[in-house]
C-alpha atoms as a PDB file:
ATOM      1  CA  UNK A   1      28.482   9.482  42.634  1.00  0.00           C
ATOM      2  CA  UNK A   2      28.207   6.701  45.218  1.00  0.00           C
ATOM      3  CA  UNK A   3      26.691   9.146  47.699  1.00  0.00           C
ATOM      4  CA  UNK A   4      24.037  10.189  45.140  1.00  0.00           C
ATOM      5  CA  UNK A   5      23.287   6.538  44.407  1.00  0.00           C
ATOM      6  CA  UNK A   6      22.850   5.807  48.110  1.00  0.00           C
ATOM      7  CA  UNK A   7      20.602   8.852  48.455  1.00  0.00           C
ATOM      8  CA  UNK A   8      18.485   7.687  45.526  1.00  0.00           C
ATOM      9  CA  UNK A   9      18.230   4.227  47.062  1.00  0.00           C
ATOM     10  CA  UNK A  10      17.260   5.727  50.400  1.00  0.00           C
ATOM     11  CA  UNK A  11      14.451   7.680  48.730  1.00  0.00           C
ATOM     12  CA  UNK A  12      13.239   4.521  46.973  1.00  0.00           C
ATOM     13  CA  UNK A  13      13.166   2.631  50.259  1.00  0.00           C
ATOM     14  CA  UNK A  14      11.242   5.428  51.957  1.00  0.00           C
ATOM     15  CA  UNK A  15       8.637   5.610  49.186  1.00  0.00           C
ATOM     16  CA  UNK A  16       8.199   1.836  49.148  1.00  0.00           C
ATOM     17  CA  UNK A  17       7.812   1.795  52.939  1.00  0.00           C
ATOM     18  CA  UNK A  18       5.338   4.683  52.852  1.00  0.00           C
ATOM     19  CA  UNK A  19       3.224   2.857  50.248  1.00  0.00           C
ATOM     20  CA  UNK A  20       3.448  -0.486  52.014  1.00  0.00           C
ATOM     21  CA  UNK A  21       4.671  -2.132  48.819  1.00  0.00           C
ATOM     22  CA  UNK A  22       7.260  -1.668  46.081  1.00  0.00           C
ATOM     23  CA  UNK A  23       6.215   1.308  43.973  1.00  0.00           C
ATOM     24  CA  UNK A  24       9.590   2.477  42.604  1.00  0.00           C
ATOM     25  CA  UNK A  25      11.570   1.183  39.654  1.00  0.00           C
ATOM     26  CA  UNK A  26      15.254   0.494  40.191  1.00  0.00           C
ATOM     27  CA  UNK A  27      17.353  -0.028  37.100  1.00  0.00           C
ATOM     28  CA  UNK A  28      20.791   0.484  35.609  1.00  0.00           C
ATOM     29  CA  UNK A  29      20.246  -0.875  32.110  1.00  0.00           C
ATOM     30  CA  UNK A  30      19.265   1.416  29.251  1.00  0.00           C
ATOM     31  CA  UNK A  31      16.847  -1.131  27.773  1.00  0.00           C
ATOM     32  CA  UNK A  32      15.024  -1.431  31.067  1.00  0.00           C
ATOM     33  CA  UNK A  33      14.704   2.339  31.288  1.00  0.00           C
ATOM     34  CA  UNK A  34      12.408   2.330  28.264  1.00  0.00           C
ATOM     35  CA  UNK A  35      10.563  -0.585  29.880  1.00  0.00           C
ATOM     36  CA  UNK A  36      10.571  -2.956  26.925  1.00  0.00           C
ATOM     37  CA  UNK A  37       9.832  -6.526  27.994  1.00  0.00           C
ATOM     38  CA  UNK A  38      11.395  -7.899  24.823  1.00  0.00           C
ATOM     39  CA  UNK A  39      11.274  -7.676  21.039  1.00  0.00           C
ATOM     40  CA  UNK A  40       9.804  -9.496  18.086  1.00  0.00           C
ATOM     41  CA  UNK A  41      12.995  -9.597  16.050  1.00  0.00           C
ATOM     42  CA  UNK A  42      12.716  -8.037  12.584  1.00  0.00           C
ATOM     43  CA  UNK A  43      14.982  -7.897   9.474  1.00  0.00           C
ATOM     44  CA  UNK A  44      17.646  -5.330   8.674  1.00  0.00           C
ATOM     45  CA  UNK A  45      15.383  -2.916   6.742  1.00  0.00           C
ATOM     46  CA  UNK A  46      13.172  -2.589   9.842  1.00  0.00           C
ATOM     47  CA  UNK A  47      16.154  -2.078  12.152  1.00  0.00           C
ATOM     48  CA  UNK A  48      17.547   0.663   9.932  1.00  0.00           C
ATOM     49  CA  UNK A  49      14.182   2.427   9.817  1.00  0.00           C
ATOM     50  CA  UNK A  50      13.430   2.318  13.547  1.00  0.00           C
ATOM     51  CA  UNK A  51      16.826   2.066  15.222  1.00  0.00           C
ATOM     52  CA  UNK A  52      15.331  -0.795  17.262  1.00  0.00           C
ATOM     53  CA  UNK A  53      15.616  -4.610  17.039  1.00  0.00           C
ATOM     54  CA  UNK A  54      11.962  -5.081  16.166  1.00  0.00           C
ATOM     55  CA  UNK A  55       8.405  -4.739  17.467  1.00  0.00           C
ATOM     56  CA  UNK A  56       8.386  -3.911  21.213  1.00  0.00           C
ATOM     57  CA  UNK A  57       6.579  -6.347  23.519  1.00  0.00           C
ATOM     58  CA  UNK A  58       4.331  -4.747  26.124  1.00  0.00           C
ATOM     59  CA  UNK A  59       3.635  -1.743  23.899  1.00  0.00           C
ATOM     60  CA  UNK A  60       1.202  -0.552  21.221  1.00  0.00           C
ATOM     61  CA  UNK A  61       2.585  -0.202  17.688  1.00  0.00           C
ATOM     62  CA  UNK A  62       0.573   1.281  14.823  1.00  0.00           C
ATOM     63  CA  UNK A  63       1.173   0.991  11.080  1.00  0.00           C
ATOM     64  CA  UNK A  64      -0.331   3.708   8.887  1.00  0.00           C
ATOM     65  CA  UNK A  65      -0.233   4.349   5.157  1.00  0.00           C
ATOM     66  CA  UNK A  66      -2.281   4.420   1.969  1.00  0.00           C
ATOM     67  CA  UNK A  67      -3.549   1.342   0.124  1.00  0.00           C
ATOM     68  CA  UNK A  68      -0.964  -0.882  -1.566  1.00  0.00           C
ATOM     69  CA  UNK A  69       1.976   0.457   0.422  1.00  0.00           C
ATOM     70  CA  UNK A  70       2.770  -2.679   2.445  1.00  0.00           C
ATOM     71  CA  UNK A  71       0.873  -2.265   5.734  1.00  0.00           C
ATOM     72  CA  UNK A  72      -0.740  -5.697   5.732  1.00  0.00           C
ATOM     73  CA  UNK A  73       2.356  -7.419   4.349  1.00  0.00           C
ATOM     74  CA  UNK A  74       4.450  -5.916   7.141  1.00  0.00           C
ATOM     75  CA  UNK A  75       1.911  -7.098   9.721  1.00  0.00           C
ATOM     76  CA  UNK A  76       1.881 -10.576   8.170  1.00  0.00           C
ATOM     77  CA  UNK A  77       5.663 -10.773   8.421  1.00  0.00           C
ATOM     78  CA  UNK A  78       5.482 -10.003  12.146  1.00  0.00           C
ATOM     79  CA  UNK A  79       2.768 -12.652  12.583  1.00  0.00           C
ATOM     80  CA  UNK A  80       4.858 -15.276  10.782  1.00  0.00           C
ATOM     81  CA  UNK A  81       7.873 -14.498  12.949  1.00  0.00           C
ATOM     82  CA  UNK A  82       5.868 -14.900  16.157  1.00  0.00           C
ATOM     83  CA  UNK A  83       4.509 -18.248  14.972  1.00  0.00           C
ATOM     84  CA  UNK A  84       8.008 -19.475  14.119  1.00  0.00           C
ATOM     85  CA  UNK A  85       9.113 -18.794  17.708  1.00  0.00           C
ATOM     86  CA  UNK A  86       6.214 -20.902  19.007  1.00  0.00           C
ATOM     87  CA  UNK A  87       4.091 -17.906  19.979  1.00  0.00           C
ATOM     88  CA  UNK A  88       0.365 -17.194  19.778  1.00  0.00           C
ATOM     89  CA  UNK A  89      -1.186 -14.741  17.298  1.00  0.00           C
ATOM     90  CA  UNK A  90      -4.604 -13.117  17.794  1.00  0.00           C
ATOM     91  CA  UNK A  91      -6.318 -11.308  14.907  1.00  0.00           C
ATOM     92  CA  UNK A  92      -9.188  -8.893  15.556  1.00  0.00           C
ATOM     93  CA  UNK A  93     -10.628  -8.700  12.057  1.00  0.00           C
ATOM     94  CA  UNK A  94     -12.726  -5.651  11.153  1.00  0.00           C
ATOM     95  CA  UNK A  95     -11.944  -5.563   7.427  1.00  0.00           C
ATOM     96  CA  UNK A  96     -12.670  -9.224   6.544  1.00  0.00           C
ATOM     97  CA  UNK A  97     -10.168  -9.216   3.677  1.00  0.00           C
ATOM     98  CA  UNK A  98      -7.113 -10.792   5.308  1.00  0.00           C
ATOM     99  CA  UNK A  99      -5.607 -13.233   2.771  1.00  0.00           C
ATOM    100  CA  UNK A 100      -4.975 -16.497   4.606  1.00  0.00           C
ATOM    101  CA  UNK A 101      -3.678 -18.115   1.422  1.00  0.00           C
ATOM    102  CA  UNK A 102      -1.020 -15.432   1.080  1.00  0.00           C
ATOM    103  CA  UNK A 103      -0.195 -15.813   4.774  1.00  0.00           C
ATOM    104  CA  UNK A 104       0.524 -19.499   4.087  1.00  0.00           C
ATOM    105  CA  UNK A 105       2.720 -18.614   1.100  1.00  0.00           C
ATOM    106  CA  UNK A 106       4.698 -16.276   3.372  1.00  0.00           C
ATOM    107  CA  UNK A 107       5.413 -19.192   5.718  1.00  0.00           C
ATOM    108  CA  UNK A 108       2.618 -18.746   8.252  1.00  0.00           C
ATOM    109  CA  UNK A 109       0.121 -21.290   9.580  1.00  0.00           C
ATOM    110  CA  UNK A 110      -3.313 -19.781   8.980  1.00  0.00           C
ATOM    111  CA  UNK A 111      -5.058 -22.455  11.068  1.00  0.00           C
ATOM    112  CA  UNK A 112      -3.078 -21.378  14.148  1.00  0.00           C
ATOM    113  CA  UNK A 113      -4.294 -17.755  14.104  1.00  0.00           C
ATOM    114  CA  UNK A 114      -6.910 -17.047  16.781  1.00  0.00           C
ATOM    115  CA  UNK A 115      -9.402 -14.954  14.769  1.00  0.00           C
ATOM    116  CA  UNK A 116     -12.061 -12.704  16.286  1.00  0.00           C
ATOM    117  CA  UNK A 117     -14.271 -11.223  13.515  1.00  0.00           C
ATOM    118  CA  UNK A 118     -16.019  -7.993  14.546  1.00  0.00           C
ATOM    119  CA  UNK A 119     -18.537  -5.679  12.882  1.00  0.00           C
ATOM    120  CA  UNK A 120     -18.289  -2.475  14.927  1.00  0.00           C
ATOM    121  CA  UNK A 121     -15.867  -0.374  16.953  1.00  0.00           C
ATOM    122  CA  UNK A 122     -17.423  -1.417  20.259  1.00  0.00           C
ATOM    123  CA  UNK A 123     -17.240  -5.078  19.221  1.00  0.00           C
ATOM    124  CA  UNK A 124     -13.545  -4.627  18.435  1.00  0.00           C
ATOM    125  CA  UNK A 125     -12.854  -3.244  21.910  1.00  0.00           C
ATOM    126  CA  UNK A 126     -14.845  -6.083  23.465  1.00  0.00           C
ATOM    127  CA  UNK A 127     -12.646  -8.471  21.487  1.00  0.00           C
ATOM    128  CA  UNK A 128      -9.540  -6.753  22.890  1.00  0.00           C
ATOM    129  CA  UNK A 129     -10.889  -7.250  26.412  1.00  0.00           C
ATOM    130  CA  UNK A 130     -11.523 -10.946  25.731  1.00  0.00           C
ATOM    131  CA  UNK A 131      -7.995 -11.386  24.372  1.00  0.00           C
ATOM    132  CA  UNK A 132      -6.473  -9.722  27.436  1.00  0.00           C
ATOM    133  CA  UNK A 133      -8.582 -11.854  29.804  1.00  0.00           C
ATOM    134  CA  UNK A 134      -7.458 -14.997  27.996  1.00  0.00           C
ATOM    135  CA  UNK A 135      -3.808 -13.930  28.052  1.00  0.00           C
ATOM    136  CA  UNK A 136      -4.081 -13.212  31.783  1.00  0.00           C
ATOM    137  CA  UNK A 137      -4.950 -16.885  32.353  1.00  0.00           C
ATOM    138  CA  UNK A 138      -2.337 -18.024  29.836  1.00  0.00           C
ATOM    139  CA  UNK A 139       0.431 -16.115  31.607  1.00  0.00           C
ATOM    140  CA  UNK A 140      -0.079 -18.177  34.776  1.00  0.00           C
ATOM    141  CA  UNK A 141       1.337 -21.248  33.042  1.00  0.00           C
ATOM    142  CA  UNK A 142       3.345 -19.601  30.216  1.00  0.00           C
ATOM    143  CA  UNK A 143       4.908 -16.386  31.551  1.00  0.00           C
ATOM    144  CA  UNK A 144       7.349 -16.008  28.643  1.00  0.00           C
ATOM    145  CA  UNK A 145       5.250 -17.202  25.703  1.00  0.00           C
ATOM    146  CA  UNK A 146       5.470 -14.713  22.770  1.00  0.00           C
ATOM    147  CA  UNK A 147       2.012 -13.201  22.239  1.00  0.00           C
ATOM    148  CA  UNK A 148       0.981 -10.882  19.410  1.00  0.00           C
ATOM    149  CA  UNK A 149      -2.446  -9.261  19.046  1.00  0.00           C
ATOM    150  CA  UNK A 150      -3.291  -7.594  15.715  1.00  0.00           C
ATOM    151  CA  UNK A 151      -6.209  -5.278  14.892  1.00  0.00           C
ATOM    152  CA  UNK A 152      -6.989  -5.082  11.170  1.00  0.00           C
ATOM    153  CA  UNK A 153      -7.998  -2.344  11.202  1.00  0.00           C
ATOM    154  CA  UNK A 154      -8.907   0.489  13.544  1.00  0.00           C
ATOM    155  CA  UNK A 155      -9.933   2.656  10.602  1.00  0.00           C
ATOM    156  CA  UNK A 156     -12.475   0.070   9.383  1.00  0.00           C
ATOM    157  CA  UNK A 157     -14.188  -0.222  12.783  1.00  0.00           C
ATOM    158  CA  UNK A 158     -17.352   1.928  12.795  1.00  0.00           C
ATOM    159  CA  UNK A 159     -19.127   2.911  16.052  1.00  0.00           C
ATOM    160  CA  UNK A 160     -22.554   1.381  16.720  1.00  0.00           C
ATOM    161  CA  UNK A 161     -24.059   4.870  16.917  1.00  0.00           C
ATOM    162  CA  UNK A 162     -23.142   5.484  13.278  1.00  0.00           C
ATOM    163  CA  UNK A 163     -24.072   1.998  12.029  1.00  0.00           C
ATOM    164  CA  UNK A 164     -27.539   2.268  13.574  1.00  0.00           C
ATOM    165  CA  UNK A 165     -28.148   5.929  12.699  1.00  0.00           C
ATOM    166  CA  UNK A 166     -30.236   7.472   9.973  1.00  0.00           C
ATOM    167  CA  UNK A 167     -28.471   9.191   7.100  1.00  0.00           C
ATOM    168  CA  UNK A 168     -29.300  12.698   8.347  1.00  0.00           C
ATOM    169  CA  UNK A 169     -28.121  12.085  11.943  1.00  0.00           C
ATOM    170  CA  UNK A 170     -25.034  13.954  13.114  1.00  0.00           C
ATOM    171  CA  UNK A 171     -22.308  12.167  15.115  1.00  0.00           C
ATOM    172  CA  UNK A 172     -19.370  14.343  16.055  1.00  0.00           C
ATOM    173  CA  UNK A 173     -16.190  12.645  17.337  1.00  0.00           C
ATOM    174  CA  UNK A 174     -18.005   9.469  18.430  1.00  0.00           C
ATOM    175  CA  UNK A 175     -15.142   7.291  17.220  1.00  0.00           C
ATOM    176  CA  UNK A 176     -12.508   9.396  19.001  1.00  0.00           C
ATOM    177  CA  UNK A 177     -14.437   9.357  22.288  1.00  0.00           C
ATOM    178  CA  UNK A 178     -14.731   5.569  22.294  1.00  0.00           C
ATOM    179  CA  UNK A 179     -11.086   5.047  21.318  1.00  0.00           C
ATOM    180  CA  UNK A 180      -9.703   7.605  23.781  1.00  0.00           C
ATOM    181  CA  UNK A 181     -11.421   5.820  26.650  1.00  0.00           C
ATOM    182  CA  UNK A 182     -10.538   2.258  25.691  1.00  0.00           C
ATOM    183  CA  UNK A 183      -6.953   2.679  24.527  1.00  0.00           C
ATOM    184  CA  UNK A 184      -5.852   3.931  27.949  1.00  0.00           C
ATOM    185  CA  UNK A 185      -6.905   0.597  29.432  1.00  0.00           C
ATOM    186  CA  UNK A 186      -5.366  -1.308  26.527  1.00  0.00           C
ATOM    187  CA  UNK A 187      -1.962   0.253  27.040  1.00  0.00           C
ATOM    188  CA  UNK A 188      -1.884  -0.871  30.684  1.00  0.00           C
ATOM    189  CA  UNK A 189      -2.902  -4.407  29.736  1.00  0.00           C
ATOM    190  CA  UNK A 190      -0.246  -4.596  27.010  1.00  0.00           C
ATOM    191  CA  UNK A 191       2.445  -3.967  29.580  1.00  0.00           C
ATOM    192  CA  UNK A 192       0.903  -6.048  32.373  1.00  0.00           C
ATOM    193  CA  UNK A 193       0.438  -9.184  30.255  1.00  0.00           C
ATOM    194  CA  UNK A 194       3.478  -8.688  27.976  1.00  0.00           C
ATOM    195  CA  UNK A 195       1.505  -8.504  24.729  1.00  0.00           C
ATOM    196  CA  UNK A 196       2.895  -7.000  21.529  1.00  0.00           C
ATOM    197  CA  UNK A 197      -0.054  -5.049  20.130  1.00  0.00           C
ATOM    198  CA  UNK A 198      -0.184  -4.110  16.447  1.00  0.00           C
ATOM    199  CA  UNK A 199      -2.855  -1.849  14.972  1.00  0.00           C
ATOM    200  CA  UNK A 200      -3.335  -1.092  11.274  1.00  0.00           C
ATOM    201  CA  UNK A 201      -4.689   2.424  10.876  1.00  0.00           C
ATOM    202  CA  UNK A 202      -5.087   5.339   8.475  1.00  0.00           C
ATOM    203  CA  UNK A 203      -4.114   8.996   8.638  1.00  0.00           C
ATOM    204  CA  UNK A 204      -5.581  12.173   7.202  1.00  0.00           C
ATOM    205  CA  UNK A 205      -4.541  15.803   6.783  1.00  0.00           C
ATOM    206  CA  UNK A 206      -6.178  18.599   8.736  1.00  0.00           C
ATOM    207  CA  UNK A 207      -6.666  21.815   6.785  1.00  0.00           C
ATOM    208  CA  UNK A 208      -6.050  24.785   9.074  1.00  0.00           C
ATOM    209  CA  UNK A 209      -6.990  28.286   7.999  1.00  0.00           C
ATOM    210  CA  UNK A 210      -3.360  29.268   8.386  1.00  0.00           C
ATOM    211  CA  UNK A 211      -0.135  27.309   8.292  1.00  0.00           C
ATOM    212  CA  UNK A 212       0.848  23.904   6.917  1.00  0.00           C
ATOM    213  CA  UNK A 213      -1.637  20.983   6.844  1.00  0.00           C
ATOM    214  CA  UNK A 214      -0.904  18.472   9.604  1.00  0.00           C
ATOM    215  CA  UNK A 215      -1.051  14.702   9.170  1.00  0.00           C
ATOM    216  CA  UNK A 216      -3.169  13.131  11.922  1.00  0.00           C
ATOM    217  CA  UNK A 217      -3.582   9.471  12.858  1.00  0.00           C
ATOM    218  CA  UNK A 218      -7.241   8.438  12.694  1.00  0.00           C
ATOM    219  CA  UNK A 219      -9.146   7.506  15.849  1.00  0.00           C
ATOM    220  CA  UNK A 220      -8.471  10.223  18.414  1.00  0.00           C
ATOM    221  CA  UNK A 221      -5.526  11.915  20.100  1.00  0.00           C
ATOM    222  CA  UNK A 222      -5.050   9.225  22.767  1.00  0.00           C
ATOM    223  CA  UNK A 223      -4.494   6.646  20.050  1.00  0.00           C
ATOM    224  CA  UNK A 224      -1.506   8.701  18.909  1.00  0.00           C
ATOM    225  CA  UNK A 225      -0.074   9.614  22.304  1.00  0.00           C
ATOM    226  CA  UNK A 226      -0.359   6.142  23.846  1.00  0.00           C
ATOM    227  CA  UNK A 227       1.302   4.325  20.939  1.00  0.00           C
ATOM    228  CA  UNK A 228       5.005   3.805  21.543  1.00  0.00           C
ATOM    229  CA  UNK A 229       5.811   3.311  17.867  1.00  0.00           C
ATOM    230  CA  UNK A 230       3.926   4.475  14.771  1.00  0.00           C
ATOM    231  CA  UNK A 231       5.291   3.315  11.422  1.00  0.00           C
ATOM    232  CA  UNK A 232       4.353   4.721   8.042  1.00  0.00           C
ATOM    233  CA  UNK A 233       4.584   2.955   4.698  1.00  0.00           C
ATOM    234  CA  UNK A 234       4.793   4.816   1.375  1.00  0.00           C
ATOM    235  CA  UNK A 235       4.701   3.443  -2.152  1.00  0.00           C
ATOM    236  CA  UNK A 236       7.607   4.666  -4.253  1.00  0.00           C
ATOM    237  CA  UNK A 237       6.841   2.685  -7.422  1.00  0.00           C
ATOM    238  CA  UNK A 238       5.242  -0.459  -8.797  1.00  0.00           C
ATOM    239  CA  UNK A 239       7.512  -3.396  -9.601  1.00  0.00           C
ATOM    240  CA  UNK A 240       6.795  -4.206 -13.254  1.00  0.00           C
ATOM    241  CA  UNK A 241       7.880  -6.656 -15.936  1.00  0.00           C
ATOM    242  CA  UNK A 242       6.775  -7.875 -19.357  1.00  0.00           C
ATOM    243  CA  UNK A 243       6.086 -11.603 -19.703  1.00  0.00           C
ATOM    244  CA  UNK A 244       4.592 -13.300 -22.767  1.00  0.00           C
ATOM    245  CA  UNK A 245       4.080  -9.845 -24.254  1.00  0.00           C
ATOM    246  CA  UNK A 246       1.932  -8.667 -21.334  1.00  0.00           C
ATOM    247  CA  UNK A 247       2.883  -5.824 -18.974  1.00  0.00           C
ATOM    248  CA  UNK A 248       2.487  -7.030 -15.401  1.00  0.00           C
ATOM    249  CA  UNK A 249       2.760  -5.531 -11.914  1.00  0.00           C
ATOM    250  CA  UNK A 250       4.293  -8.167  -9.653  1.00  0.00           C
ATOM    251  CA  UNK A 251       5.054  -6.101  -6.551  1.00  0.00           C
ATOM    252  CA  UNK A 252       5.599  -2.752  -4.890  1.00  0.00           C
ATOM    253  CA  UNK A 253       8.720  -0.761  -4.074  1.00  0.00           C
ATOM    254  CA  UNK A 254       7.859   0.856  -0.729  1.00  0.00           C
ATOM    255  CA  UNK A 255       9.475   2.967   1.950  1.00  0.00           C
ATOM    256  CA  UNK A 256       9.284   2.476   5.714  1.00  0.00           C
ATOM    257  CA  UNK A 257       9.697   5.386   8.109  1.00  0.00           C
ATOM    258  CA  UNK A 258       8.978   6.213  11.737  1.00  0.00           C
ATOM    259  CA  UNK A 259       6.010   8.575  12.105  1.00  0.00           C
ATOM    260  CA  UNK A 260       6.414   8.534  15.887  1.00  0.00           C
ATOM    261  CA  UNK A 261       9.000   6.632  17.897  1.00  0.00           C
ATOM    262  CA  UNK A 262      10.570   6.740  21.342  1.00  0.00           C
ATOM    263  CA  UNK A 263      12.674   3.594  20.966  1.00  0.00           C
ATOM    264  CA  UNK A 264      16.067   2.984  19.426  1.00  0.00           C
ATOM    265  CA  UNK A 265      18.718   5.347  18.146  1.00  0.00           C
ATOM    266  CA  UNK A 266      19.179   6.872  14.695  1.00  0.00           C
ATOM    267  CA  UNK A 267      16.256   6.382  12.322  1.00  0.00           C
ATOM    268  CA  UNK A 268      16.080   6.394   8.528  1.00  0.00           C
ATOM    269  CA  UNK A 269      13.591   6.074   5.695  1.00  0.00           C
ATOM    270  CA  UNK A 270      14.418   2.650   4.282  1.00  0.00           C
ATOM    271  CA  UNK A 271      13.270   0.872   1.108  1.00  0.00           C
ATOM    272  CA  UNK A 272      11.744  -2.583   1.000  1.00  0.00           C
ATOM    273  CA  UNK A 273      10.109  -4.622  -1.742  1.00  0.00           C
ATOM    274  CA  UNK A 274       6.683  -6.269  -1.503  1.00  0.00           C
ATOM    275  CA  UNK A 275       5.992  -9.390  -3.571  1.00  0.00           C
ATOM    276  CA  UNK A 276       3.365 -12.144  -3.208  1.00  0.00           C
ATOM    277  CA  UNK A 277       5.801 -14.174  -1.081  1.00  0.00           C
ATOM    278  CA  UNK A 278       6.360 -11.358   1.430  1.00  0.00           C
ATOM    279  CA  UNK A 279       9.001  -8.667   1.876  1.00  0.00           C
ATOM    280  CA  UNK A 280      12.396  -8.599   0.172  1.00  0.00           C
ATOM    281  CA  UNK A 281      15.139  -6.698   1.970  1.00  0.00           C
ATOM    282  CA  UNK A 282      17.458  -4.939  -0.467  1.00  0.00           C
ATOM    283  CA  UNK A 283      18.266  -4.848  -4.174  1.00  0.00           C
ATOM    284  CA  UNK A 284      20.224  -8.124  -4.128  1.00  0.00           C
ATOM    285  CA  UNK A 285      17.161  -9.974  -2.844  1.00  0.00           C
ATOM    286  CA  UNK A 286      15.023  -8.318  -5.538  1.00  0.00           C
ATOM    287  CA  UNK A 287      17.509  -9.275  -8.251  1.00  0.00           C
ATOM    288  CA  UNK A 288      17.462 -12.899  -7.101  1.00  0.00           C
ATOM    289  CA  UNK A 289      13.656 -12.860  -7.035  1.00  0.00           C
ATOM    290  CA  UNK A 290      13.439 -11.576 -10.611  1.00  0.00           C
ATOM    291  CA  UNK A 291      15.619 -14.496 -11.716  1.00  0.00           C
ATOM    292  CA  UNK A 292      13.411 -16.957  -9.834  1.00  0.00           C
ATOM    293  CA  UNK A 293      10.168 -15.746 -11.447  1.00  0.00           C
ATOM    294  CA  UNK A 294      11.479 -15.159 -14.957  1.00  0.00           C
ATOM    295  CA  UNK A 295       9.384 -17.933 -16.535  1.00  0.00           C
ATOM    296  CA  UNK A 296       6.393 -17.858 -14.147  1.00  0.00           C
ATOM    297  CA  UNK A 297       3.309 -15.854 -15.118  1.00  0.00           C
ATOM    298  CA  UNK A 298       1.215 -13.768 -12.716  1.00  0.00           C
ATOM    299  CA  UNK A 299      -1.528 -16.233 -11.674  1.00  0.00           C
ATOM    300  CA  UNK A 300       1.029 -18.997 -11.095  1.00  0.00           C
ATOM    301  CA  UNK A 301       3.296 -16.646  -9.151  1.00  0.00           C
ATOM    302  CA  UNK A 302       0.739 -16.373  -6.348  1.00  0.00           C
ATOM    303  CA  UNK A 303       0.805 -20.131  -5.678  1.00  0.00           C
ATOM    304  CA  UNK A 304       4.421 -20.611  -4.581  1.00  0.00           C
ATOM    305  CA  UNK A 305       6.426 -19.758  -1.487  1.00  0.00           C
ATOM    306  CA  UNK A 306       9.899 -18.286  -1.839  1.00  0.00           C
ATOM    307  CA  UNK A 307      11.441 -21.666  -0.965  1.00  0.00           C
ATOM    308  CA  UNK A 308       9.292 -23.355  -3.636  1.00  0.00           C
ATOM    309  CA  UNK A 309      10.512 -20.837  -6.205  1.00  0.00           C
ATOM    310  CA  UNK A 310      14.144 -21.409  -5.250  1.00  0.00           C
ATOM    311  CA  UNK A 311      13.746 -25.177  -5.447  1.00  0.00           C
ATOM    312  CA  UNK A 312      11.987 -24.997  -8.816  1.00  0.00           C
ATOM    313  CA  UNK A 313      14.654 -22.650 -10.188  1.00  0.00           C
ATOM    314  CA  UNK A 314      17.574 -24.820  -9.066  1.00  0.00           C
ATOM    315  CA  UNK A 315      16.055 -27.961 -10.599  1.00  0.00           C
ATOM    316  CA  UNK A 316      14.829 -26.271 -13.804  1.00  0.00           C
ATOM    317  CA  UNK A 317      16.375 -27.278 -17.171  1.00  0.00           C
ATOM    318  CA  UNK A 318      17.190 -23.615 -17.876  1.00  0.00           C
ATOM    319  CA  UNK A 319      19.108 -23.312 -14.603  1.00  0.00           C
ATOM    320  CA  UNK A 320      20.975 -26.567 -15.267  1.00  0.00           C
ATOM    321  CA  UNK A 321      21.798 -25.404 -18.801  1.00  0.00           C
ATOM    322  CA  UNK A 322      23.053 -22.063 -17.438  1.00  0.00           C
ATOM    323  CA  UNK A 323      25.261 -23.855 -14.914  1.00  0.00           C
ATOM    324  CA  UNK A 324      26.602 -26.160 -17.647  1.00  0.00           C
ATOM    325  CA  UNK A 325      27.432 -23.133 -19.808  1.00  0.00           C
ATOM    326  CA  UNK A 326      29.224 -21.473 -16.878  1.00  0.00           C
ATOM    327  CA  UNK A 327      31.206 -24.665 -16.241  1.00  0.00           C
ATOM    328  CA  UNK A 328      32.078 -24.961 -19.938  1.00  0.00           C
ATOM    329  CA  UNK A 329      33.248 -21.327 -20.064  1.00  0.00           C
ATOM    330  CA  UNK A 330      35.326 -21.884 -16.934  1.00  0.00           C
ATOM    331  CA  UNK A 331      36.989 -24.960 -18.469  1.00  0.00           C
ATOM    332  CA  UNK A 332      37.676 -23.112 -21.736  1.00  0.00           C
ATOM    333  CA  UNK A 333      39.213 -20.245 -19.757  1.00  0.00           C
ATOM    334  CA  UNK A 334      41.511 -22.680 -17.945  1.00  0.00           C
ATOM    335  CA  UNK A 335      42.519 -24.253 -21.286  1.00  0.00           C
ATOM    336  CA  UNK A 336      43.416 -20.820 -22.677  1.00  0.00           C
ATOM    337  CA  UNK A 337      45.496 -20.039 -19.595  1.00  0.00           C
ATOM    338  CA  UNK A 338      47.295 -23.407 -19.820  1.00  0.00           C
ATOM    339  CA  UNK A 339      47.971 -22.878 -23.536  1.00  0.00           C
ATOM    340  CA  UNK A 340      49.430 -19.432 -22.838  1.00  0.00           C
ATOM    341  CA  UNK A 341      51.649 -20.883 -20.103  1.00  0.00           C
ATOM    342  CA  UNK A 342      52.895 -23.644 -22.449  1.00  0.00           C
ATOM    343  CA  UNK A 343      53.635 -21.062 -25.165  1.00  0.00           C
ATOM    344  CA  UNK A 344      55.554 -18.987 -22.645  1.00  0.00           C
ATOM    345  CA  UNK A 345      57.630 -22.002 -21.588  1.00  0.00           C
ATOM    346  CA  UNK A 346      58.474 -22.826 -25.228  1.00  0.00           C
ATOM    347  CA  UNK A 347      59.572 -19.229 -25.840  1.00  0.00           C
ATOM    348  CA  UNK A 348      61.938 -19.372 -22.890  1.00  0.00           C
ATOM    349  CA  UNK A 349      63.471 -22.600 -24.202  1.00  0.00           C
END
């Protein structure tokens, strides 16, 4: 084994010498083998789904799924986590419907997002280039600063050729051609400048003449192949309740799965719950949330953070009354036990 290691090292040295610089990668750690610079740490539901600690830094991650399945909420959670570690968040905004008020409710600082609004696909790629140029300068003084760049969304970015065309004009694969060219450069910059890149996208089904329809990520083949991780969200059911005699949807029960992934170990399709305050991980968290919002109607529900709800619930008269009732029951139970013990002692006498 030692002889093979020495031989491998000898070959590395020869290649480096031949190139006049270091061109080989020498590593012994598994994490380094997949060349992940670091992770944006994510909760347990994400870890179970991906088999990885979080969003990989230096790589492109895509999130696909239908409307109201949790794509944007998942992205917002990542953005909040980066901000809480003191990092910088860029948002390339093609859709113009990002809810900054909800981002605040989830614990984020909307004023600290660096927003680049764009109107076309080419403008979006120009925005990516500007972000990478800025990060290149930033890395000179802050080599380890967490940096996240989000594109919301690739699917909503329309090529100039289509925006400026007449209705009868034909444009075949214009979007794919632009994306295939630009995303190759983007992948290299993600790694070079240690940027976690997140792209919201859509998928569609091809309809072959024979065989099973295939689900394809929108935007060209390179977009799929050059993304290290592609996550898919699916809505399982609406979260519903009846308050003041009115049926109300207050959230979504969704599933998270890996559509494509080369990181981590075992993967699973995991449930998570979307509410106005963000993502709840597990049934216990959902049960607690239902208790917190029991007396709050829909419009009011969208005004409070999770911490606000907890504080309001703890200090509410109903909560205090419930706690008093629990304490009273506990005291009565102790009295009954003491009475039984006294009766037992008298019987023995």
